[in-house]
């Protein structure tokens, strides 16, 4: 699965950022529709899990295969 995701994401930072955001928007939209029409109720999936996925999903997809830089403060 990780290899498939790495193939989808471009190496250019700007394109990678927008691809990560776009994929997250599509998946979160589908989760929202599933929560409303599939499950049929407004609850934890809609108000807690979907916003959590929006924040974590785009961050994880953008930061995948990137090194953490050591920053000195002060």
PDB file of N, CA and C in Angstrom:
ATOM      1  N   UNK A   1       0.826  -1.198   0.000  1.00  0.00           N
ATOM      2  CA  UNK A   1       0.000   0.000   0.000  1.00  0.00           C
ATOM      3  C   UNK A   1       0.868   1.258   0.000  1.00  0.00           C
ATOM      4  N   UNK A   2       1.942   1.236   0.811  1.00  0.00           N
ATOM      5  CA  UNK A   2       2.809   2.411   0.890  1.00  0.00           C
ATOM      6  C   UNK A   2       3.485   2.683  -0.456  1.00  0.00           C
ATOM      7  N   UNK A   3       3.883   1.633  -1.161  1.00  0.00           N
ATOM      8  CA  UNK A   3       4.520   1.808  -2.466  1.00  0.00           C
ATOM      9  C   UNK A   3       3.544   2.423  -3.463  1.00  0.00           C
ATOM     10  N   UNK A   4       2.288   2.041  -3.396  1.00  0.00           N
ATOM     11  CA  UNK A   4       1.272   2.614  -4.276  1.00  0.00           C
ATOM     12  C   UNK A   4       1.085   4.095  -3.980  1.00  0.00           C
ATOM     13  N   UNK A   5       1.035   4.456  -2.708  1.00  0.00           N
ATOM     14  CA  UNK A   5       0.882   5.859  -2.325  1.00  0.00           C
ATOM     15  C   UNK A   5       2.096   6.670  -2.772  1.00  0.00           C
ATOM     16  N   UNK A   6       3.291   6.108  -2.624  1.00  0.00           N
ATOM     17  CA  UNK A   6       4.498   6.813  -3.042  1.00  0.00           C
ATOM     18  C   UNK A   6       4.544   7.010  -4.557  1.00  0.00           C
ATOM     19  N   UNK A   7       3.948   6.080  -5.330  1.00  0.00           N
ATOM     20  CA  UNK A   7       3.879   6.242  -6.784  1.00  0.00           C
ATOM     21  C   UNK A   7       2.904   7.354  -7.166  1.00  0.00           C
ATOM     22  N   UNK A   8       1.825   7.489  -6.420  1.00  0.00           N
ATOM     23  CA  UNK A   8       0.807   8.502  -6.720  1.00  0.00           C
ATOM     24  C   UNK A   8       1.319   9.904  -6.409  1.00  0.00           C
ATOM     25  N   UNK A   9       2.039  10.059  -5.289  1.00  0.00           N
ATOM     26  CA  UNK A   9       2.491  11.381  -4.860  1.00  0.00           C
ATOM     27  C   UNK A   9       3.692  11.840  -5.685  1.00  0.00           C
ATOM     28  N   UNK A  10       3.631  13.048  -6.233  1.00  0.00           N
ATOM     29  CA  UNK A  10       4.768  13.571  -7.004  1.00  0.00           C
ATOM     30  C   UNK A  10       5.934  13.957  -6.088  1.00  0.00           C
ATOM     31  N   UNK A  11       7.113  14.134  -6.676  1.00  0.00           N
ATOM     32  CA  UNK A  11       8.291  14.496  -5.889  1.00  0.00           C
ATOM     33  C   UNK A  11       8.402  16.002  -5.692  1.00  0.00           C
ATOM     34  N   UNK A  12       7.822  16.793  -6.575  1.00  0.00           N
ATOM     35  CA  UNK A  12       7.844  18.251  -6.439  1.00  0.00           C
ATOM     36  C   UNK A  12       7.004  18.658  -5.228  1.00  0.00           C
ATOM     37  N   UNK A  13       7.561  19.517  -4.354  1.00  0.00           N
ATOM     38  CA  UNK A  13       6.878  19.879  -3.105  1.00  0.00           C
ATOM     39  C   UNK A  13       5.513  20.513  -3.322  1.00  0.00           C
ATOM     40  N   UNK A  14       5.426  21.429  -4.271  1.00  0.00           N
ATOM     41  CA  UNK A  14       4.161  22.121  -4.496  1.00  0.00           C
ATOM     42  C   UNK A  14       3.080  21.157  -5.014  1.00  0.00           C
ATOM     43  N   UNK A  15       3.454  20.328  -5.978  1.00  0.00           N
ATOM     44  CA  UNK A  15       2.497  19.356  -6.509  1.00  0.00           C
ATOM     45  C   UNK A  15       2.131  18.321  -5.454  1.00  0.00           C
ATOM     46  N   UNK A  16       3.110  17.933  -4.649  1.00  0.00           N
ATOM     47  CA  UNK A  16       2.869  16.948  -3.584  1.00  0.00           C
ATOM     48  C   UNK A  16       1.888  17.488  -2.551  1.00  0.00           C
ATOM     49  N   UNK A  17       2.046  18.774  -2.219  1.00  0.00           N
ATOM     50  CA  UNK A  17       1.150  19.396  -1.239  1.00  0.00           C
ATOM     51  C   UNK A  17      -0.285  19.382  -1.745  1.00  0.00           C
ATOM     52  N   UNK A  18      -0.494  19.809  -2.974  1.00  0.00           N
ATOM     53  CA  UNK A  18      -1.843  19.883  -3.505  1.00  0.00           C
ATOM     54  C   UNK A  18      -2.438  18.506  -3.773  1.00  0.00           C
ATOM     55  N   UNK A  19      -1.615  17.535  -4.124  1.00  0.00           N
ATOM     56  CA  UNK A  19      -2.103  16.169  -4.286  1.00  0.00           C
ATOM     57  C   UNK A  19      -2.544  15.596  -2.947  1.00  0.00           C
ATOM     58  N   UNK A  20      -1.755  15.838  -1.896  1.00  0.00           N
ATOM     59  CA  UNK A  20      -2.115  15.362  -0.559  1.00  0.00           C
ATOM     60  C   UNK A  20      -3.424  16.001  -0.090  1.00  0.00           C
ATOM     61  N   UNK A  21      -3.571  17.284  -0.317  1.00  0.00           N
ATOM     62  CA  UNK A  21      -4.808  17.973   0.075  1.00  0.00           C
ATOM     63  C   UNK A  21      -5.990  17.460  -0.744  1.00  0.00           C
ATOM     64  N   UNK A  22      -5.788  17.288  -2.044  1.00  0.00           N
ATOM     65  CA  UNK A  22      -6.866  16.803  -2.910  1.00  0.00           C
ATOM     66  C   UNK A  22      -7.332  15.409  -2.543  1.00  0.00           C
ATOM     67  N   UNK A  23      -6.396  14.508  -2.309  1.00  0.00           N
ATOM     68  CA  UNK A  23      -6.762  13.146  -1.904  1.00  0.00           C
ATOM     69  C   UNK A  23      -7.502  13.140  -0.570  1.00  0.00           C
ATOM     70  N   UNK A  24      -7.052  13.983   0.343  1.00  0.00           N
ATOM     71  CA  UNK A  24      -7.700  14.058   1.651  1.00  0.00           C
ATOM     72  C   UNK A  24      -9.118  14.608   1.536  1.00  0.00           C
ATOM     73  N   UNK A  25      -9.307  15.599   0.687  1.00  0.00           N
ATOM     74  CA  UNK A  25     -10.648  16.167   0.495  1.00  0.00           C
ATOM     75  C   UNK A  25     -11.596  15.127  -0.101  1.00  0.00           C
ATOM     76  N   UNK A  26     -11.125  14.381  -1.084  1.00  0.00           N
ATOM     77  CA  UNK A  26     -11.976  13.366  -1.712  1.00  0.00           C
ATOM     78  C   UNK A  26     -12.358  12.278  -0.715  1.00  0.00           C
ATOM     79  N   UNK A  27     -11.378  11.758   0.013  1.00  0.00           N
ATOM     80  CA  UNK A  27     -11.661  10.685   0.973  1.00  0.00           C
ATOM     81  C   UNK A  27     -12.540  11.186   2.117  1.00  0.00           C
ATOM     82  N   UNK A  28     -12.278  12.399   2.611  1.00  0.00           N
ATOM     83  CA  UNK A  28     -13.113  12.913   3.703  1.00  0.00           C
ATOM     84  C   UNK A  28     -14.531  13.214   3.217  1.00  0.00           C
ATOM     85  N   UNK A  29     -14.671  13.632   1.978  1.00  0.00           N
ATOM     86  CA  UNK A  29     -16.010  13.817   1.415  1.00  0.00           C
ATOM     87  C   UNK A  29     -16.774  12.509   1.330  1.00  0.00           C
ATOM     88  N   UNK A  30     -16.078  11.459   0.904  1.00  0.00           N
ATOM     89  CA  UNK A  30     -16.716  10.144   0.851  1.00  0.00           C
ATOM     90  C   UNK A  30     -17.069   9.636   2.254  1.00  0.00           C
ATOM     91  N   UNK A  31     -16.183   9.876   3.219  1.00  0.00           N
ATOM     92  CA  UNK A  31     -16.487   9.495   4.604  1.00  0.00           C
ATOM     93  C   UNK A  31     -17.704  10.248   5.139  1.00  0.00           C
ATOM     94  N   UNK A  32     -17.802  11.525   4.783  1.00  0.00           N
ATOM     95  CA  UNK A  32     -18.944  12.322   5.225  1.00  0.00           C
ATOM     96  C   UNK A  32     -20.248  11.795   4.623  1.00  0.00           C
ATOM     97  N   UNK A  33     -20.215  11.522   3.318  1.00  0.00           N
ATOM     98  CA  UNK A  33     -21.411  10.979   2.667  1.00  0.00           C
ATOM     99  C   UNK A  33     -21.792   9.619   3.245  1.00  0.00           C
ATOM    100  N   UNK A  34     -20.802   8.786   3.514  1.00  0.00           N
ATOM    101  CA  UNK A  34     -21.061   7.485   4.104  1.00  0.00           C
ATOM    102  C   UNK A  34     -21.649   7.633   5.511  1.00  0.00           C
ATOM    103  N   UNK A  35     -21.130   8.590   6.267  1.00  0.00           N
ATOM    104  CA  UNK A  35     -21.638   8.806   7.619  1.00  0.00           C
ATOM    105  C   UNK A  35     -23.076   9.287   7.629  1.00  0.00           C
ATOM    106  N   UNK A  36     -23.411  10.151   6.680  1.00  0.00           N
ATOM    107  CA  UNK A  36     -24.766  10.702   6.644  1.00  0.00           C
ATOM    108  C   UNK A  36     -25.760   9.721   6.034  1.00  0.00           C
ATOM    109  N   UNK A  37     -25.426   9.212   4.836  1.00  0.00           N
ATOM    110  CA  UNK A  37     -26.384   8.378   4.121  1.00  0.00           C
ATOM    111  C   UNK A  37     -26.202   6.877   4.361  1.00  0.00           C
ATOM    112  N   UNK A  38     -24.971   6.433   4.584  1.00  0.00           N
ATOM    113  CA  UNK A  38     -24.731   5.009   4.794  1.00  0.00           C
ATOM    114  C   UNK A  38     -25.116   4.564   6.184  1.00  0.00           C
ATOM    115  N   UNK A  39     -24.584   5.257   7.182  1.00  0.00           N
ATOM    116  CA  UNK A  39     -24.899   4.920   8.566  1.00  0.00           C
ATOM    117  C   UNK A  39     -26.250   5.501   8.955  1.00  0.00           C
ATOM    118  N   UNK A  40     -26.539   6.704   8.444  1.00  0.00           N
ATOM    119  CA  UNK A  40     -27.832   7.312   8.702  1.00  0.00           C
ATOM    120  C   UNK A  40     -27.929   8.104   9.983  1.00  0.00           C
ATOM    121  N   UNK A  41     -26.792   8.489  10.535  1.00  0.00           N
ATOM    122  CA  UNK A  41     -26.840   9.289  11.750  1.00  0.00           C
ATOM    123  C   UNK A  41     -25.624  10.213  11.818  1.00  0.00           C
ATOM    124  N   UNK A  42     -25.819  11.316  12.502  1.00  0.00           N
ATOM    125  CA  UNK A  42     -24.733  12.248  12.750  1.00  0.00           C
ATOM    126  C   UNK A  42     -24.136  11.859  14.093  1.00  0.00           C
ATOM    127  N   UNK A  43     -22.871  11.498  14.088  1.00  0.00           N
ATOM    128  CA  UNK A  43     -22.291  11.067  15.345  1.00  0.00           C
ATOM    129  C   UNK A  43     -20.792  11.204  15.356  1.00  0.00           C
ATOM    130  N   UNK A  44     -20.167  10.267  16.051  1.00  0.00           N
ATOM    131  CA  UNK A  44     -18.726  10.331  16.256  1.00  0.00           C
ATOM    132  C   UNK A  44     -17.954  10.257  14.939  1.00  0.00           C
ATOM    133  N   UNK A  45     -18.445   9.472  13.987  1.00  0.00           N
ATOM    134  CA  UNK A  45     -17.752   9.344  12.707  1.00  0.00           C
ATOM    135  C   UNK A  45     -17.739  10.678  11.953  1.00  0.00           C
ATOM    136  N   UNK A  46     -18.810  11.413  12.031  1.00  0.00           N
ATOM    137  CA  UNK A  46     -18.907  12.660  11.281  1.00  0.00           C
ATOM    138  C   UNK A  46     -18.224  13.819  11.982  1.00  0.00           C
ATOM    139  N   UNK A  47     -18.377  13.926  13.279  1.00  0.00           N
ATOM    140  CA  UNK A  47     -17.895  15.111  13.981  1.00  0.00           C
ATOM    141  C   UNK A  47     -16.534  14.953  14.653  1.00  0.00           C
ATOM    142  N   UNK A  48     -16.040  13.736  14.780  1.00  0.00           N
ATOM    143  CA  UNK A  48     -14.729  13.541  15.406  1.00  0.00           C
ATOM    144  C   UNK A  48     -13.746  12.874  14.449  1.00  0.00           C
ATOM    145  N   UNK A  49     -14.119  11.754  13.860  1.00  0.00           N
ATOM    146  CA  UNK A  49     -13.180  11.007  13.021  1.00  0.00           C
ATOM    147  C   UNK A  49     -12.873  11.693  11.689  1.00  0.00           C
ATOM    148  N   UNK A  50     -13.866  12.289  11.054  1.00  0.00           N
ATOM    149  CA  UNK A  50     -13.617  12.961   9.775  1.00  0.00           C
ATOM    150  C   UNK A  50     -12.705  14.175   9.934  1.00  0.00           C
ATOM    151  N   UNK A  51     -12.924  15.081  10.892  1.00  0.00           N
ATOM    152  CA  UNK A  51     -11.964  16.182  11.067  1.00  0.00           C
ATOM    153  C   UNK A  51     -10.573  15.708  11.474  1.00  0.00           C
ATOM    154  N   UNK A  52     -10.506  14.647  12.258  1.00  0.00           N
ATOM    155  CA  UNK A  52      -9.215  14.082  12.631  1.00  0.00           C
ATOM    156  C   UNK A  52      -8.495  13.562  11.389  1.00  0.00           C
ATOM    157  N   UNK A  53      -9.226  12.891  10.508  1.00  0.00           N
ATOM    158  CA  UNK A  53      -8.632  12.389   9.270  1.00  0.00           C
ATOM    159  C   UNK A  53      -8.175  13.526   8.361  1.00  0.00           C
ATOM    160  N   UNK A  54      -8.939  14.609   8.307  1.00  0.00           N
ATOM    161  CA  UNK A  54      -8.568  15.740   7.452  1.00  0.00           C
ATOM    162  C   UNK A  54      -7.223  16.310   7.875  1.00  0.00           C
ATOM    163  N   UNK A  55      -7.025  16.493   9.156  1.00  0.00           N
ATOM    164  CA  UNK A  55      -5.756  17.032   9.640  1.00  0.00           C
ATOM    165  C   UNK A  55      -4.607  16.062   9.502  1.00  0.00           C
ATOM    166  N   UNK A  56      -4.839  14.830   9.897  1.00  0.00           N
ATOM    167  CA  UNK A  56      -3.758  13.839   9.880  1.00  0.00           C
ATOM    168  C   UNK A  56      -3.467  13.336   8.476  1.00  0.00           C
ATOM    169  N   UNK A  57      -4.490  13.157   7.677  1.00  0.00           N
ATOM    170  CA  UNK A  57      -4.305  12.588   6.338  1.00  0.00           C
ATOM    171  C   UNK A  57      -3.431  13.434   5.437  1.00  0.00           C
ATOM    172  N   UNK A  58      -3.723  14.721   5.357  1.00  0.00           N
ATOM    173  CA  UNK A  58      -2.922  15.579   4.483  1.00  0.00           C
ATOM    174  C   UNK A  58      -1.498  15.737   5.007  1.00  0.00           C
ATOM    175  N   UNK A  59      -1.344  15.790   6.320  1.00  0.00           N
ATOM    176  CA  UNK A  59      -0.011  15.913   6.909  1.00  0.00           C
ATOM    177  C   UNK A  59       0.825  14.666   6.673  1.00  0.00           C
ATOM    178  N   UNK A  60       0.238  13.511   6.859  1.00  0.00           N
ATOM    179  CA  UNK A  60       0.960  12.261   6.651  1.00  0.00           C
ATOM    180  C   UNK A  60       1.311  12.071   5.180  1.00  0.00           C
ATOM    181  N   UNK A  61       0.370  12.345   4.287  1.00  0.00           N
ATOM    182  CA  UNK A  61       0.651  12.184   2.861  1.00  0.00           C
ATOM    183  C   UNK A  61       1.722  13.151   2.382  1.00  0.00           C
ATOM    184  N   UNK A  62       1.686  14.377   2.849  1.00  0.00           N
ATOM    185  CA  UNK A  62       2.700  15.356   2.435  1.00  0.00           C
ATOM    186  C   UNK A  62       4.066  15.009   3.022  1.00  0.00           C
ATOM    187  N   UNK A  63       4.104  14.576   4.258  1.00  0.00           N
ATOM    188  CA  UNK A  63       5.375  14.311   4.930  1.00  0.00           C
ATOM    189  C   UNK A  63       5.942  12.931   4.694  1.00  0.00           C
ATOM    190  N   UNK A  64       5.211  12.075   3.977  1.00  0.00           N
ATOM    191  CA  UNK A  64       5.686  10.728   3.713  1.00  0.00           C
ATOM    192  C   UNK A  64       6.985  10.771   2.924  1.00  0.00           C
ATOM    193  N   UNK A  65       7.972  10.066   3.388  1.00  0.00           N
ATOM    194  CA  UNK A  65       9.279   9.951   2.735  1.00  0.00           C
ATOM    195  C   UNK A  65      10.051  11.267   2.748  1.00  0.00           C
ATOM    196  N   UNK A  66       9.801  12.110   3.713  1.00  0.00           N
ATOM    197  CA  UNK A  66      10.563  13.343   3.888  1.00  0.00           C
ATOM    198  C   UNK A  66      11.339  13.241   5.187  1.00  0.00           C
ATOM    199  N   UNK A  67      12.543  13.761   5.174  1.00  0.00           N
ATOM    200  CA  UNK A  67      13.359  13.737   6.381  1.00  0.00           C
ATOM    201  C   UNK A  67      12.965  14.869   7.314  1.00  0.00           C
ATOM    202  N   UNK A  68      13.076  14.609   8.605  1.00  0.00           N
ATOM    203  CA  UNK A  68      12.832  15.644   9.604  1.00  0.00           C
ATOM    204  C   UNK A  68      14.108  16.444   9.747  1.00  0.00           C
ATOM    205  N   UNK A  69      13.988  17.756   9.594  1.00  0.00           N
ATOM    206  CA  UNK A  69      15.166  18.617   9.672  1.00  0.00           C
ATOM    207  C   UNK A  69      15.392  19.042  11.110  1.00  0.00           C
ATOM    208  N   UNK A  70      16.642  19.066  11.498  1.00  0.00           N
ATOM    209  CA  UNK A  70      17.020  19.495  12.844  1.00  0.00           C
ATOM    210  C   UNK A  70      17.131  21.020  12.849  1.00  0.00           C
ATOM    211  N   UNK A  71      16.306  21.671  13.643  1.00  0.00           N
ATOM    212  CA  UNK A  71      16.281  23.125  13.689  1.00  0.00           C
ATOM    213  C   UNK A  71      16.780  23.581  15.060  1.00  0.00           C
ATOM    214  N   UNK A  72      17.748  24.488  15.047  1.00  0.00           N
ATOM    215  CA  UNK A  72      18.264  25.039  16.299  1.00  0.00           C
ATOM    216  C   UNK A  72      17.531  26.329  16.614  1.00  0.00           C
ATOM    217  N   UNK A  73      17.038  26.421  17.823  1.00  0.00           N
ATOM    218  CA  UNK A  73      16.342  27.615  18.253  1.00  0.00           C
ATOM    219  C   UNK A  73      17.280  28.459  19.111  1.00  0.00           C
ATOM    220  N   UNK A  74      17.233  29.754  18.880  1.00  0.00           N
ATOM    221  CA  UNK A  74      17.997  30.660  19.734  1.00  0.00           C
ATOM    222  C   UNK A  74      19.322  31.000  19.246  1.00  0.00           C
TER     223      UNK A  74
END
